[in-house]
Amino acid sequence: MEKLRILGEAAKYDLCASTASPRVHTQGSIGKAVSTGICHSFLPDGRCISLLKVLITNQCIHDCAYCINSTKNRKQFKHSVTSFEPEELAKLTIGFYIRNYIEGLFLSSGIGKSANCQAEIIHEALHVLRNKYQFDGYVHAKVLPGIGKDELFRIAELADRVSINVELPNKSRFSETCSTKDFYSDIIKVTKFLPEMRKKGEIPAGYTTQYVIGAAEETDKEILDTVFDFYNDDWDFRRQYYSTCLPLEEKTQSYPRSYFLREHRLYQIDWLRRIYKFSPEELMTVINDDGFIPLNMDPKVTLARMNAEFFPIDVNNATYSELMRVPGIGHTSATRILKLQQQGVKLTKNQQLKSIGVVLKRALPFLKVGSKKQLTLDNFGNSQGGV
């Protein structure tokens, strides 16, 4: 339990979300990765619970400036170094699952001797969990920088999803934070294995990556250049995550909301690209000359104001694509509007829009409901709400 306390705390910086996995449940096995990507337990709001998120070791040979487990920071903060044995971790996981504490495992690791040596230890832990304990539940495994293709394949055979942390958007910024890893040979080379493996069905739930925001002097433009590239068909990443870099020595400090607003804006741009299908070219127009997304304006509102000639649109005649460009309208509310159009129902009152999920405060300046235009853009002002 002391190891779990230490290694669970050390894993909190890795972000993840579960997703669907086609892993086949075998007779006599324990657990099942259901359609939401984690085992058969849901909160009332639909979220899945919960993964055991832990490192197999917090020992690491690298000196990443932002990581509490790096050689540099381990000496400075003098935190305990410990590891799980593969059998020990597998037994712990299955014990927690049987007690209904968890529904799956998120496994990451520091790098002890080398990436491939550590990969073998991760593989052994997953092999014991899958085969000795017959666990068919959801497993997300972190891919270590510098890992070989064969080692990656062996882990991917036992995991539902894998991820590799890019951390910084390019070689220059990466070098600012770490002297013991190479951006191309340790990160990019490994990510190039992933699309090939996915096409062969070897990574059933896909793969993701993560950026540490503010770890170097990187701009939002540099980050988004890499993000958009990774969403292309050549790379085919399912999700990308963003994590604000907090000063390691100020663990108890309370940070104002604005401290994380940059991270929030990046997630909004990511959502507009991945879900709303805005093009990279138009999303890049949101960025200021200094390379950063304005913090005082929601990106979707900014884009709508920049294309004011497109608005207002008639809610009773608009297409799905047009509706998705309106701030305050998302996939669910746009789909409901189209369904009402097909049924011949006319939307003539604001309350009707509100009842189907449209955020009126954000949407009204860009809509025509019935014969009436709504608020003007000048009346609308700035908004810091969600997409």
Protein backbone atom coordinates (compact mmCIF):
# COMPACT_ATOMS: atom_id res chain seq x y z
CA MET A 1 0.00 0.00 0.00
CA GLU A 2 2.94 2.33 0.60
CA LYS A 3 4.21 1.58 -2.91
CA LEU A 4 0.73 2.31 -4.25
CA ARG A 5 0.65 5.64 -2.42
CA ILE A 6 4.01 6.68 -3.89
CA LEU A 7 3.56 5.33 -7.42
CA GLY A 8 -0.08 6.37 -7.68
CA GLU A 9 0.81 9.93 -6.71
CA ALA A 10 3.65 9.92 -9.25
CA ALA A 11 1.25 8.90 -12.04
CA LYS A 12 -1.17 11.80 -11.59
CA TYR A 13 0.48 13.88 -14.34
CA ASP A 14 -0.51 11.41 -17.08
CA LEU A 15 -3.88 12.22 -18.65
CA CYS A 16 -6.16 9.71 -20.30
CA ALA A 17 -9.72 8.96 -21.32
CA SER A 18 -11.17 5.55 -21.95
CA THR A 19 -12.72 4.58 -25.23
CA ALA A 20 -14.36 1.64 -26.93
CA SER A 21 -12.34 -1.53 -27.34
CA PRO A 22 -13.27 -4.61 -29.38
CA ARG A 23 -11.37 -6.96 -27.04
CA VAL A 24 -13.25 -10.26 -27.04
CA HIS A 25 -14.39 -11.57 -23.66
CA THR A 26 -13.36 -15.19 -23.24
CA GLN A 27 -15.21 -17.81 -21.25
CA GLY A 28 -14.01 -17.99 -17.65
CA SER A 29 -12.15 -14.68 -17.75
CA ILE A 30 -12.71 -11.75 -15.40
CA GLY A 31 -13.80 -8.29 -16.53
CA LYS A 32 -15.10 -6.91 -19.79
CA ALA A 33 -14.13 -3.77 -21.73
CA VAL A 34 -17.62 -2.48 -22.61
CA SER A 35 -18.55 0.07 -25.26
CA THR A 36 -17.52 3.05 -23.18
CA GLY A 37 -14.03 1.60 -22.86
CA ILE A 38 -13.93 0.59 -19.24
CA CYS A 39 -15.59 -2.15 -17.26
CA HIS A 40 -19.36 -2.05 -16.64
CA SER A 41 -19.64 0.65 -13.96
CA PHE A 42 -20.99 4.13 -14.74
CA LEU A 43 -21.78 7.32 -12.88
CA PRO A 44 -25.28 8.84 -13.26
CA ASP A 45 -23.91 11.42 -15.75
CA GLY A 46 -22.62 8.66 -18.02
CA ARG A 47 -18.91 8.79 -17.11
CA CYS A 48 -17.08 5.51 -16.62
CA ILE A 49 -15.35 4.72 -13.36
CA SER A 50 -12.54 4.04 -12.61
CA LEU A 51 -8.99 3.14 -13.61
CA LEU A 52 -6.15 2.24 -11.30
CA LYS A 53 -3.58 4.75 -12.56
CA VAL A 54 -0.09 3.96 -11.36
CA LEU A 55 3.59 3.80 -12.33
CA ILE A 56 5.33 0.46 -12.18
CA THR A 57 8.41 2.41 -11.03
CA ASN A 58 9.21 6.06 -10.36
CA GLN A 59 12.92 5.54 -10.98
CA CYS A 60 14.06 7.26 -14.18
CA ILE A 61 17.38 7.83 -15.95
CA HIS A 62 16.20 11.01 -17.72
CA ASP A 63 16.49 14.62 -16.54
CA CYS A 64 13.25 16.21 -17.82
CA ALA A 65 12.94 19.56 -16.04
CA TYR A 66 9.15 19.37 -15.63
CA CYS A 67 9.01 15.80 -14.21
CA ILE A 68 9.06 15.12 -10.48
CA ASN A 69 10.64 11.69 -11.16
CA SER A 70 13.63 12.92 -13.20
CA THR A 71 17.17 12.47 -11.95
CA LYS A 72 17.54 16.20 -11.32
CA ASN A 73 14.29 16.65 -9.38
CA ARG A 74 14.59 13.38 -7.49
CA LYS A 75 17.80 14.62 -5.91
CA GLN A 76 16.36 18.06 -5.17
CA PHE A 77 13.09 16.91 -3.61
CA LYS A 78 14.45 13.68 -2.13
CA HIS A 79 11.28 11.70 -2.72
CA SER A 80 11.13 7.94 -2.22
CA VAL A 81 12.06 5.66 -5.10
CA THR A 82 10.22 2.36 -5.36
CA SER A 83 8.91 -0.19 -7.85
CA PHE A 84 6.29 -2.91 -8.22
CA GLU A 85 7.25 -6.41 -9.21
CA PRO A 86 5.15 -7.57 -12.19
CA GLU A 87 3.35 -10.23 -10.15
CA GLU A 88 2.79 -7.77 -7.33
CA LEU A 89 1.16 -5.19 -9.60
CA ALA A 90 -1.00 -7.76 -11.39
CA LYS A 91 -2.20 -9.21 -8.09
CA LEU A 92 -2.94 -5.73 -6.73
CA THR A 93 -4.94 -4.84 -9.85
CA ILE A 94 -7.05 -7.99 -9.83
CA GLY A 95 -7.59 -7.66 -6.07
CA PHE A 96 -8.94 -4.13 -6.50
CA TYR A 97 -11.10 -5.22 -9.41
CA ILE A 98 -12.67 -8.11 -7.49
CA ARG A 99 -13.46 -5.68 -4.64
CA ASN A 100 -15.11 -3.36 -7.21
CA TYR A 101 -12.66 -0.55 -6.46
CA ILE A 102 -11.62 -0.23 -10.12
CA GLU A 103 -12.75 -1.23 -13.59
CA GLY A 104 -9.42 -1.12 -15.41
CA LEU A 105 -5.73 -0.23 -15.35
CA PHE A 106 -3.73 2.75 -16.61
CA LEU A 107 -0.07 1.72 -16.43
CA SER A 108 2.87 4.06 -16.89
CA SER A 109 6.46 3.97 -15.77
CA GLY A 110 9.72 5.76 -15.30
CA ILE A 111 12.70 4.32 -17.18
CA GLY A 112 15.00 2.38 -14.89
CA LYS A 113 17.92 0.95 -16.87
CA SER A 114 16.67 1.48 -20.43
CA ALA A 115 13.42 1.85 -22.33
CA ASN A 116 13.48 -1.73 -23.61
CA CYS A 117 14.35 -3.22 -20.22
CA GLN A 118 11.48 -1.33 -18.63
CA ALA A 119 9.18 -2.35 -21.50
CA GLU A 120 9.90 -5.99 -20.70
CA ILE A 121 8.85 -5.44 -17.09
CA ILE A 122 5.61 -3.73 -18.21
CA HIS A 123 4.95 -6.57 -20.64
CA GLU A 124 5.49 -9.17 -17.93
CA ALA A 125 3.04 -7.39 -15.60
CA LEU A 126 0.37 -7.23 -18.31
CA HIS A 127 1.05 -10.83 -19.35
CA VAL A 128 0.52 -12.04 -15.78
CA LEU A 129 -2.65 -9.93 -15.47
CA ARG A 130 -4.11 -11.15 -18.77
CA ASN A 131 -3.06 -14.81 -18.61
CA LYS A 132 -2.54 -15.87 -15.00
CA TYR A 133 -5.42 -13.80 -13.61
CA GLN A 134 -7.52 -14.00 -16.81
CA PHE A 135 -8.30 -10.26 -16.78
CA ASP A 136 -10.18 -9.08 -19.89
CA GLY A 137 -10.85 -5.57 -18.61
CA TYR A 138 -9.61 -2.28 -20.01
CA VAL A 139 -5.84 -1.63 -20.01
CA HIS A 140 -4.15 1.61 -21.13
CA ALA A 141 -0.36 1.33 -21.34
CA LYS A 142 2.11 4.18 -21.70
CA VAL A 143 4.73 3.75 -24.41
CA LEU A 144 8.20 4.69 -23.18
CA PRO A 145 10.38 7.04 -25.26
CA GLY A 146 13.04 5.15 -27.19
CA ILE A 147 11.24 1.79 -27.04
CA GLY A 148 11.91 -0.68 -29.88
CA LYS A 149 9.22 -1.77 -32.31
CA ASP A 150 9.21 -5.39 -31.11
CA GLU A 151 8.84 -4.33 -27.47
CA LEU A 152 6.06 -1.92 -28.41
CA PHE A 153 4.25 -4.66 -30.34
CA ARG A 154 4.41 -7.06 -27.38
CA ILE A 155 2.84 -4.48 -25.06
CA ALA A 156 0.21 -3.45 -27.62
CA GLU A 157 -0.89 -7.09 -27.94
CA LEU A 158 -1.96 -7.00 -24.29
CA ALA A 159 -3.31 -3.43 -24.04
CA ASP A 160 -6.49 -1.88 -25.37
CA ARG A 161 -4.97 1.56 -25.85
CA VAL A 162 -1.42 2.91 -25.77
CA SER A 163 -0.07 6.46 -25.57
CA ILE A 164 3.28 8.17 -25.89
CA ASN A 165 3.89 11.60 -24.40
CA VAL A 166 5.35 13.98 -26.98
CA GLU A 167 5.53 16.61 -24.19
CA LEU A 168 6.96 19.44 -26.38
CA PRO A 169 6.01 20.29 -29.99
CA ASN A 170 9.41 20.16 -31.71
CA LYS A 171 13.08 19.29 -31.30
CA SER A 172 14.14 22.81 -30.30
CA ARG A 173 11.62 23.09 -27.45
CA PHE A 174 12.19 19.49 -26.39
CA SER A 175 15.91 20.15 -26.02
CA GLU A 176 15.18 23.07 -23.69
CA THR A 177 13.78 20.70 -21.07
CA CYS A 178 15.73 17.45 -21.44
CA SER A 179 19.33 16.61 -22.31
CA THR A 180 19.07 12.82 -22.12
CA LYS A 181 16.42 12.17 -24.80
CA ASP A 182 16.31 12.99 -28.50
CA PHE A 183 13.04 14.26 -29.94
CA TYR A 184 13.32 12.40 -33.24
CA SER A 185 14.92 9.09 -32.26
CA ASP A 186 13.11 8.67 -28.91
CA ILE A 187 9.71 10.22 -29.67
CA ILE A 188 8.93 10.69 -33.37
CA LYS A 189 10.50 7.40 -34.45
CA VAL A 190 8.32 5.53 -31.96
CA THR A 191 5.12 7.37 -32.95
CA LYS A 192 5.71 6.30 -36.55
CA PHE A 193 5.27 2.67 -35.48
CA LEU A 194 1.75 3.34 -34.23
CA PRO A 195 -0.26 3.98 -37.46
CA GLU A 196 1.18 0.83 -39.01
CA MET A 197 0.23 -1.23 -35.96
CA ARG A 198 -3.27 0.24 -35.83
CA LYS A 199 -3.92 -0.61 -39.50
CA LYS A 200 -3.04 -4.22 -38.68
CA GLY A 201 -5.52 -4.21 -35.77
CA GLU A 202 -2.76 -4.49 -33.18
CA ILE A 203 -3.94 -1.48 -31.12
CA PRO A 204 -7.72 -1.97 -30.88
CA ALA A 205 -8.62 1.30 -29.12
CA GLY A 206 -6.03 3.52 -30.80
CA TYR A 207 -3.37 5.75 -29.32
CA THR A 208 -3.00 9.23 -27.83
CA THR A 209 -0.35 11.72 -26.80
CA GLN A 210 0.12 14.56 -24.32
CA TYR A 211 1.82 17.98 -24.21
CA VAL A 212 3.19 19.79 -21.17
CA ILE A 213 2.04 23.39 -21.59
CA GLY A 214 4.56 26.01 -20.48
CA ALA A 215 7.45 23.63 -19.84
CA ALA A 216 9.58 25.58 -22.34
CA GLU A 217 9.14 28.83 -24.29
CA GLU A 218 6.87 27.16 -26.86
CA THR A 219 4.01 29.13 -28.45
CA ASP A 220 0.47 27.93 -29.08
CA LYS A 221 1.21 28.03 -32.81
CA GLU A 222 4.11 25.61 -32.38
CA ILE A 223 1.90 23.25 -30.39
CA LEU A 224 -0.98 23.40 -32.86
CA ASP A 225 1.32 22.83 -35.83
CA THR A 226 2.19 19.45 -34.31
CA VAL A 227 -1.35 18.75 -33.09
CA PHE A 228 -2.89 19.27 -36.53
CA ASP A 229 -0.15 17.18 -38.13
CA PHE A 230 -0.87 14.29 -35.74
CA TYR A 231 -4.58 14.39 -36.59
CA ASN A 232 -3.80 13.86 -40.28
CA ASP A 233 -4.36 10.43 -41.83
CA ASP A 234 -0.62 9.70 -41.84
CA TRP A 235 -0.53 9.73 -38.03
CA ASP A 236 -4.20 9.17 -37.16
CA PHE A 237 -4.06 10.05 -33.45
CA ARG A 238 -7.43 9.63 -31.71
CA ARG A 239 -6.90 12.20 -28.94
CA GLN A 240 -4.27 14.67 -27.77
CA TYR A 241 -4.09 16.04 -24.24
CA TYR A 242 -2.70 19.22 -22.70
CA SER A 243 -1.40 19.59 -19.17
CA THR A 244 -0.31 22.88 -17.59
CA CYS A 245 3.23 22.69 -16.24
CA LEU A 246 3.12 23.64 -12.56
CA PRO A 247 6.24 24.57 -10.57
CA LEU A 248 7.24 21.39 -8.77
CA GLU A 249 8.44 23.18 -5.65
CA GLU A 250 5.12 24.96 -5.09
CA LYS A 251 2.89 21.99 -4.42
CA THR A 252 0.62 23.80 -1.97
CA GLN A 253 0.16 27.01 -3.96
CA SER A 254 -3.34 27.86 -5.14
CA TYR A 255 -3.40 28.97 -8.78
CA PRO A 256 -5.98 31.38 -10.21
CA ARG A 257 -8.30 30.17 -12.97
CA SER A 258 -6.43 32.27 -15.55
CA TYR A 259 -3.30 30.16 -14.93
CA PHE A 260 -5.01 27.25 -16.69
CA LEU A 261 -6.88 29.31 -19.31
CA ARG A 262 -4.21 28.69 -21.95
CA GLU A 263 -4.67 24.95 -21.54
CA HIS A 264 -8.45 25.43 -21.79
CA ARG A 265 -8.15 27.40 -25.05
CA LEU A 266 -5.95 24.68 -26.57
CA TYR A 267 -8.57 22.08 -25.70
CA GLN A 268 -11.21 24.27 -27.37
CA ILE A 269 -9.16 24.56 -30.57
CA ASP A 270 -8.53 20.80 -30.44
CA TRP A 271 -12.28 20.17 -30.12
CA LEU A 272 -13.07 22.47 -33.05
CA ARG A 273 -10.61 20.55 -35.21
CA ARG A 274 -11.41 17.02 -34.10
CA ILE A 275 -15.18 17.16 -33.55
CA TYR A 276 -16.42 20.26 -35.39
CA LYS A 277 -14.12 19.66 -38.39
CA PHE A 278 -12.87 23.25 -38.70
CA SER A 279 -9.82 23.34 -40.98
CA PRO A 280 -6.33 23.95 -39.54
CA GLU A 281 -5.99 27.02 -41.78
CA GLU A 282 -9.05 28.79 -40.36
CA LEU A 283 -8.23 27.80 -36.78
CA MET A 284 -4.77 29.31 -37.15
CA THR A 285 -6.40 32.69 -37.92
CA VAL A 286 -7.44 32.86 -34.27
CA ILE A 287 -3.80 33.06 -33.15
CA ASN A 288 -2.27 36.48 -32.45
CA ASP A 289 0.93 37.71 -34.11
CA ASP A 290 2.88 36.63 -31.01
CA GLY A 291 1.90 33.01 -31.63
CA PHE A 292 -0.63 32.68 -28.78
CA ILE A 293 -4.40 32.17 -28.65
CA PRO A 294 -6.17 35.22 -27.10
CA LEU A 295 -7.23 34.30 -23.59
CA ASN A 296 -10.12 36.78 -23.40
CA MET A 297 -12.23 35.29 -26.19
CA ASP A 298 -13.62 31.84 -26.91
CA PRO A 299 -12.05 30.62 -30.21
CA LYS A 300 -15.41 29.63 -31.70
CA VAL A 301 -16.82 33.08 -30.96
CA THR A 302 -13.71 34.68 -32.44
CA LEU A 303 -14.12 32.69 -35.66
CA ALA A 304 -17.81 33.56 -35.86
CA ARG A 305 -17.09 37.27 -35.42
CA MET A 306 -14.34 37.11 -38.05
CA ASN A 307 -16.91 35.68 -40.49
CA ALA A 308 -19.77 38.01 -39.57
CA GLU A 309 -21.02 38.11 -43.18
CA PHE A 310 -22.03 34.46 -42.80
CA PHE A 311 -24.47 35.34 -39.99
CA PRO A 312 -27.22 35.41 -38.89
CA ILE A 313 -28.38 32.07 -40.21
CA ASP A 314 -32.03 31.00 -40.29
CA VAL A 315 -32.35 28.24 -37.73
CA ASN A 316 -35.23 26.65 -39.70
CA ASN A 317 -33.24 26.32 -42.93
CA ALA A 318 -29.66 25.88 -41.77
CA THR A 319 -27.62 22.78 -42.56
CA TYR A 320 -25.75 20.73 -39.98
CA SER A 321 -22.44 22.27 -41.04
CA GLU A 322 -23.84 25.80 -40.70
CA LEU A 323 -25.35 25.09 -37.28
CA MET A 324 -22.08 23.68 -35.99
CA ARG A 325 -20.41 27.03 -36.67
CA VAL A 326 -22.77 28.85 -34.33
CA PRO A 327 -21.37 29.42 -30.81
CA GLY A 328 -23.63 27.74 -28.27
CA ILE A 329 -24.70 24.98 -30.67
CA GLY A 330 -23.00 21.59 -30.56
CA HIS A 331 -23.59 18.20 -32.14
CA THR A 332 -26.56 17.25 -29.95
CA SER A 333 -28.51 20.48 -30.34
CA ALA A 334 -27.69 20.71 -34.08
CA THR A 335 -28.99 17.15 -34.58
CA ARG A 336 -32.19 17.99 -32.70
CA ILE A 337 -32.76 21.10 -34.85
CA LEU A 338 -32.34 19.06 -38.04
CA LYS A 339 -34.77 16.45 -36.74
CA LEU A 340 -37.38 19.17 -36.11
CA GLN A 341 -36.76 20.53 -39.61
CA GLN A 342 -37.44 17.07 -41.06
CA GLN A 343 -40.65 16.84 -39.03
CA GLY A 344 -41.81 20.20 -40.34
CA VAL A 345 -41.66 21.87 -36.91
CA LYS A 346 -40.82 25.58 -37.08
CA LEU A 347 -38.71 27.16 -34.34
CA THR A 348 -40.16 30.60 -33.68
CA LYS A 349 -39.29 31.25 -30.03
CA ASN A 350 -36.06 31.42 -28.10
CA GLN A 351 -37.47 29.11 -25.44
CA GLN A 352 -37.77 26.35 -28.04
CA LEU A 353 -34.05 26.63 -28.74
CA LYS A 354 -33.24 26.57 -25.04
CA SER A 355 -35.34 23.45 -24.52
CA ILE A 356 -33.28 21.49 -27.08
CA GLY A 357 -29.93 22.49 -25.58
CA VAL A 358 -28.89 25.68 -27.40
CA VAL A 359 -26.94 28.08 -25.16
CA LEU A 360 -28.95 31.21 -25.94
CA LYS A 361 -26.50 33.74 -24.52
CA ARG A 362 -23.87 32.58 -26.97
CA ALA A 363 -26.01 31.61 -29.96
CA LEU A 364 -28.56 34.43 -30.34
CA PRO A 365 -26.28 37.01 -32.03
CA PHE A 366 -25.70 34.53 -34.85
CA LEU A 367 -29.25 33.27 -35.43
CA LYS A 368 -32.47 34.31 -37.07
CA VAL A 369 -35.43 32.68 -35.34
CA GLY A 370 -38.61 33.00 -37.38
CA SER A 371 -38.67 36.48 -38.92
CA LYS A 372 -36.61 38.08 -36.17
CA LYS A 373 -32.90 38.75 -35.99
CA GLN A 374 -31.50 38.46 -32.51
CA LEU A 375 -28.91 40.50 -30.64
CA THR A 376 -26.28 42.19 -32.77
CA LEU A 377 -22.62 41.23 -32.49
CA ASP A 378 -21.90 44.65 -30.97
CA ASN A 379 -24.35 43.91 -28.16
CA PHE A 380 -22.90 40.47 -27.64
CA GLY A 381 -19.47 41.38 -26.18
CA ASN A 382 -16.77 38.93 -25.25
CA SER A 383 -17.35 35.44 -23.88
CA GLN A 384 -15.06 33.01 -22.11
CA GLY A 385 -17.51 30.10 -22.16
CA GLY A 386 -17.01 26.68 -23.63
CA VAL A 387 -17.24 25.64 -27.26
